[in-house]
Amino acid sequence: MLCGAENTIMIGAEQKEFLRAEFNSLRGEIRAKLARIREDERNALIISGAIWVWVAAGFWKTSYGIIVFIPAALSILFSLKSYAEWQSIKETGAYIINIENLFELGHDVGWQHYLKGEREHLLVKWSTVYWSLLISGNFIFALLIVTKVIVY
């Protein structure tokens, strides 16, 4: 017998096994999404750095000055993708909490219950700070070049 937040549900061994498999699958999805977020953070930084090296080499002077805003624009796109991944993780996590509640694990027991606390907020805060710094740094650097404060 499993108890949910609102009522008691009688399920058999097959249903329990299904819920365990579903739980493991969903946790795997969350791990994959977290890996993609970290990969996007790394890729945005590498791409931004590569473009700034290209700009520093002076090749951009033959093109339009707008080129120096590409790192900021790409960082914004990567950050939006990261935000969408975080929202998907939150939705999946909410469903996993329902599964954990069915198994009557007790208050604050279970991985998603644990993540719902300080750790989740710390991960989201770190990601927010990272993207804010990368976007603003790229944008400010581009403005400094366009306004000729920094001359190559």
C-alpha atoms as a PDB file:
ATOM      1  CA  MET A   1       0.000   0.000   0.000  1.00  0.00           C
ATOM      2  CA  LEU A   2       1.364   3.411  -0.975  1.00  0.00           C
ATOM      3  CA  CYS A   3       0.066   6.676   0.393  1.00  0.00           C
ATOM      4  CA  GLY A   4      -0.060   9.876  -1.575  1.00  0.00           C
ATOM      5  CA  ALA A   5      -0.542  13.347  -0.203  1.00  0.00           C
ATOM      6  CA  GLU A   6      -4.330  13.115  -0.617  1.00  0.00           C
ATOM      7  CA  ASN A   7      -5.341   9.467  -0.369  1.00  0.00           C
ATOM      8  CA  THR A   8      -4.162   5.917   0.022  1.00  0.00           C
ATOM      9  CA  ILE A   9      -3.396   3.937  -3.109  1.00  0.00           C
ATOM     10  CA  MET A  10      -3.159   0.170  -3.197  1.00  0.00           C
ATOM     11  CA  ILE A  11      -0.593  -0.995  -5.730  1.00  0.00           C
ATOM     12  CA  GLY A  12       1.005  -4.305  -6.419  1.00  0.00           C
ATOM     13  CA  ALA A  13       4.588  -5.366  -6.894  1.00  0.00           C
ATOM     14  CA  GLU A  14       4.456  -4.714 -10.650  1.00  0.00           C
ATOM     15  CA  GLN A  15       3.303  -1.142 -10.116  1.00  0.00           C
ATOM     16  CA  LYS A  16       6.019  -0.599  -7.515  1.00  0.00           C
ATOM     17  CA  GLU A  17       8.615  -1.891  -9.940  1.00  0.00           C
ATOM     18  CA  PHE A  18       7.235   0.385 -12.653  1.00  0.00           C
ATOM     19  CA  LEU A  19       7.468   3.396 -10.320  1.00  0.00           C
ATOM     20  CA  ARG A  20      11.050   2.483  -9.400  1.00  0.00           C
ATOM     21  CA  ALA A  21      12.008   2.196 -13.074  1.00  0.00           C
ATOM     22  CA  GLU A  22      10.241   5.464 -13.861  1.00  0.00           C
ATOM     23  CA  PHE A  23      12.014   7.155 -10.949  1.00  0.00           C
ATOM     24  CA  ASN A  24      15.406   5.928 -12.194  1.00  0.00           C
ATOM     25  CA  SER A  25      14.632   7.011 -15.744  1.00  0.00           C
ATOM     26  CA  LEU A  26      13.563  10.485 -14.645  1.00  0.00           C
ATOM     27  CA  ARG A  27      16.648  10.878 -12.443  1.00  0.00           C
ATOM     28  CA  GLY A  28      18.729   9.936 -15.480  1.00  0.00           C
ATOM     29  CA  GLU A  29      16.959  12.624 -17.512  1.00  0.00           C
ATOM     30  CA  ILE A  30      17.752  15.193 -14.836  1.00  0.00           C
ATOM     31  CA  ARG A  31      21.425  14.150 -14.770  1.00  0.00           C
ATOM     32  CA  ALA A  32      21.571  14.481 -18.570  1.00  0.00           C
ATOM     33  CA  LYS A  33      19.956  17.928 -18.461  1.00  0.00           C
ATOM     34  CA  LEU A  34      22.388  19.090 -15.774  1.00  0.00           C
ATOM     35  CA  ALA A  35      25.264  17.845 -17.920  1.00  0.00           C
ATOM     36  CA  ARG A  36      23.882  19.796 -20.901  1.00  0.00           C
ATOM     37  CA  ILE A  37      23.632  22.951 -18.794  1.00  0.00           C
ATOM     38  CA  ARG A  38      27.271  22.609 -17.710  1.00  0.00           C
ATOM     39  CA  GLU A  39      28.273  21.836 -21.307  1.00  0.00           C
ATOM     40  CA  ASP A  40      26.481  24.967 -22.528  1.00  0.00           C
ATOM     41  CA  GLU A  41      28.238  27.044 -19.870  1.00  0.00           C
ATOM     42  CA  ARG A  42      31.591  25.700 -21.009  1.00  0.00           C
ATOM     43  CA  ASN A  43      30.822  26.073 -24.726  1.00  0.00           C
ATOM     44  CA  ALA A  44      29.569  29.648 -24.361  1.00  0.00           C
ATOM     45  CA  LEU A  45      32.776  30.602 -22.570  1.00  0.00           C
ATOM     46  CA  ILE A  46      34.998  28.863 -25.147  1.00  0.00           C
ATOM     47  CA  ILE A  47      33.121  30.369 -28.113  1.00  0.00           C
ATOM     48  CA  SER A  48      33.216  33.824 -26.536  1.00  0.00           C
ATOM     49  CA  GLY A  49      36.934  33.473 -25.913  1.00  0.00           C
ATOM     50  CA  ALA A  50      37.580  32.302 -29.461  1.00  0.00           C
ATOM     51  CA  ILE A  51      35.703  35.284 -30.904  1.00  0.00           C
ATOM     52  CA  TRP A  52      37.577  37.698 -28.640  1.00  0.00           C
ATOM     53  CA  VAL A  53      40.890  36.201 -29.762  1.00  0.00           C
ATOM     54  CA  TRP A  54      39.777  36.681 -33.382  1.00  0.00           C
ATOM     55  CA  VAL A  55      38.819  40.294 -32.578  1.00  0.00           C
ATOM     56  CA  ALA A  56      42.144  40.893 -30.817  1.00  0.00           C
ATOM     57  CA  ALA A  57      43.952  39.642 -33.915  1.00  0.00           C
ATOM     58  CA  GLY A  58      42.327  42.512 -35.803  1.00  0.00           C
ATOM     59  CA  PHE A  59      40.461  40.513 -38.426  1.00  0.00           C
ATOM     60  CA  TRP A  60      37.150  42.044 -37.428  1.00  0.00           C
ATOM     61  CA  LYS A  61      38.182  45.522 -38.575  1.00  0.00           C
ATOM     62  CA  THR A  62      37.439  44.573 -42.176  1.00  0.00           C
ATOM     63  CA  SER A  63      33.877  43.694 -41.162  1.00  0.00           C
ATOM     64  CA  TYR A  64      31.091  45.579 -39.486  1.00  0.00           C
ATOM     65  CA  GLY A  65      31.568  46.577 -35.861  1.00  0.00           C
ATOM     66  CA  ILE A  66      28.487  44.608 -34.934  1.00  0.00           C
ATOM     67  CA  ILE A  67      30.642  41.459 -34.992  1.00  0.00           C
ATOM     68  CA  VAL A  68      31.947  42.291 -31.511  1.00  0.00           C
ATOM     69  CA  PHE A  69      28.428  41.811 -30.129  1.00  0.00           C
ATOM     70  CA  ILE A  70      28.271  38.172 -31.253  1.00  0.00           C
ATOM     71  CA  PRO A  71      29.691  36.813 -27.956  1.00  0.00           C
ATOM     72  CA  ALA A  72      27.007  38.647 -25.958  1.00  0.00           C
ATOM     73  CA  ALA A  73      24.264  37.488 -28.328  1.00  0.00           C
ATOM     74  CA  LEU A  74      25.447  33.869 -28.219  1.00  0.00           C
ATOM     75  CA  SER A  75      25.703  34.032 -24.434  1.00  0.00           C
ATOM     76  CA  ILE A  76      22.101  35.234 -24.250  1.00  0.00           C
ATOM     77  CA  LEU A  77      20.961  32.359 -26.478  1.00  0.00           C
ATOM     78  CA  PHE A  78      22.902  29.806 -24.439  1.00  0.00           C
ATOM     79  CA  SER A  79      21.492  31.252 -21.198  1.00  0.00           C
ATOM     80  CA  LEU A  80      17.926  30.993 -22.524  1.00  0.00           C
ATOM     81  CA  LYS A  81      18.553  27.358 -23.394  1.00  0.00           C
ATOM     82  CA  SER A  82      19.941  26.817 -19.897  1.00  0.00           C
ATOM     83  CA  TYR A  83      16.865  28.466 -18.378  1.00  0.00           C
ATOM     84  CA  ALA A  84      14.596  26.152 -20.381  1.00  0.00           C
ATOM     85  CA  GLU A  85      16.588  23.139 -19.130  1.00  0.00           C
ATOM     86  CA  TRP A  86      16.220  24.354 -15.514  1.00  0.00           C
ATOM     87  CA  GLN A  87      12.454  24.714 -15.971  1.00  0.00           C
ATOM     88  CA  SER A  88      12.266  21.188 -17.368  1.00  0.00           C
ATOM     89  CA  ILE A  89      14.314  19.901 -14.430  1.00  0.00           C
ATOM     90  CA  LYS A  90      11.916  21.603 -11.997  1.00  0.00           C
ATOM     91  CA  GLU A  91       8.908  19.981 -13.679  1.00  0.00           C
ATOM     92  CA  THR A  92      10.537  16.559 -13.675  1.00  0.00           C
ATOM     93  CA  GLY A  93      11.592  17.057 -10.054  1.00  0.00           C
ATOM     94  CA  ALA A  94       8.026  17.901  -9.025  1.00  0.00           C
ATOM     95  CA  TYR A  95       6.831  14.648 -10.577  1.00  0.00           C
ATOM     96  CA  ILE A  96       9.600  12.693  -8.842  1.00  0.00           C
ATOM     97  CA  ILE A  97       8.480  14.204  -5.527  1.00  0.00           C
ATOM     98  CA  ASN A  98       5.046  12.700  -6.189  1.00  0.00           C
ATOM     99  CA  ILE A  99       6.657   9.293  -6.711  1.00  0.00           C
ATOM    100  CA  GLU A 100       8.713   9.714  -3.518  1.00  0.00           C
ATOM    101  CA  ASN A 101       5.556  10.671  -1.616  1.00  0.00           C
ATOM    102  CA  LEU A 102       3.850   7.482  -2.799  1.00  0.00           C
ATOM    103  CA  PHE A 103       6.542   5.442  -1.080  1.00  0.00           C
ATOM    104  CA  GLU A 104       5.928   7.174   2.292  1.00  0.00           C
ATOM    105  CA  LEU A 105       9.576   8.021   2.780  1.00  0.00           C
ATOM    106  CA  GLY A 106       8.810  10.556   5.466  1.00  0.00           C
ATOM    107  CA  HIS A 107       9.392  14.270   5.667  1.00  0.00           C
ATOM    108  CA  ASP A 108      12.379  15.499   3.637  1.00  0.00           C
ATOM    109  CA  VAL A 109      13.519  12.005   2.705  1.00  0.00           C
ATOM    110  CA  GLY A 110      14.262  11.246  -0.930  1.00  0.00           C
ATOM    111  CA  TRP A 111      16.585  12.854  -3.450  1.00  0.00           C
ATOM    112  CA  GLN A 112      14.146  15.429  -4.844  1.00  0.00           C
ATOM    113  CA  HIS A 113      13.018  16.448  -1.371  1.00  0.00           C
ATOM    114  CA  TYR A 114      16.681  17.020  -0.548  1.00  0.00           C
ATOM    115  CA  LEU A 115      17.279  19.008  -3.748  1.00  0.00           C
ATOM    116  CA  LYS A 116      14.188  21.098  -3.154  1.00  0.00           C
ATOM    117  CA  GLY A 117      16.018  22.772  -0.295  1.00  0.00           C
ATOM    118  CA  GLU A 118      19.216  24.782  -0.248  1.00  0.00           C
ATOM    119  CA  ARG A 119      21.118  22.740  -2.833  1.00  0.00           C
ATOM    120  CA  GLU A 120      18.633  23.465  -5.622  1.00  0.00           C
ATOM    121  CA  HIS A 121      18.749  27.163  -4.843  1.00  0.00           C
ATOM    122  CA  LEU A 122      22.542  27.114  -4.805  1.00  0.00           C
ATOM    123  CA  LEU A 123      22.701  25.480  -8.261  1.00  0.00           C
ATOM    124  CA  VAL A 124      20.218  27.958  -9.730  1.00  0.00           C
ATOM    125  CA  LYS A 125      21.995  30.924  -8.107  1.00  0.00           C
ATOM    126  CA  TRP A 126      25.363  29.793  -9.468  1.00  0.00           C
ATOM    127  CA  SER A 127      23.944  29.418 -12.956  1.00  0.00           C
ATOM    128  CA  THR A 128      22.283  32.848 -12.758  1.00  0.00           C
ATOM    129  CA  VAL A 129      25.503  34.515 -11.589  1.00  0.00           C
ATOM    130  CA  TYR A 130      27.530  32.732 -14.269  1.00  0.00           C
ATOM    131  CA  TRP A 131      25.265  33.779 -17.144  1.00  0.00           C
ATOM    132  CA  SER A 132      24.896  37.326 -15.813  1.00  0.00           C
ATOM    133  CA  LEU A 133      28.653  37.778 -15.640  1.00  0.00           C
ATOM    134  CA  LEU A 134      29.300  36.226 -19.036  1.00  0.00           C
ATOM    135  CA  ILE A 135      26.602  38.240 -20.808  1.00  0.00           C
ATOM    136  CA  SER A 136      27.454  41.536 -19.139  1.00  0.00           C
ATOM    137  CA  GLY A 137      31.202  41.004 -19.573  1.00  0.00           C
ATOM    138  CA  ASN A 138      30.807  40.256 -23.277  1.00  0.00           C
ATOM    139  CA  PHE A 139      28.454  43.190 -23.775  1.00  0.00           C
ATOM    140  CA  ILE A 140      30.648  45.691 -21.877  1.00  0.00           C
ATOM    141  CA  PHE A 141      33.764  44.529 -23.705  1.00  0.00           C
ATOM    142  CA  ALA A 142      31.966  44.959 -27.050  1.00  0.00           C
ATOM    143  CA  LEU A 143      30.851  48.468 -26.084  1.00  0.00           C
ATOM    144  CA  LEU A 144      34.392  49.396 -25.089  1.00  0.00           C
ATOM    145  CA  ILE A 145      35.675  48.271 -28.481  1.00  0.00           C
ATOM    146  CA  VAL A 146      32.914  49.966 -30.485  1.00  0.00           C
ATOM    147  CA  THR A 147      33.344  53.246 -28.581  1.00  0.00           C
ATOM    148  CA  LYS A 148      37.084  52.912 -29.139  1.00  0.00           C
ATOM    149  CA  VAL A 149      37.929  52.899 -25.440  1.00  0.00           C
ATOM    150  CA  ILE A 150      39.834  49.718 -26.283  1.00  0.00           C
ATOM    151  CA  VAL A 151      41.681  49.954 -29.597  1.00  0.00           C
ATOM    152  CA  TYR A 152      43.183  46.995 -31.425  1.00  0.00           C
END
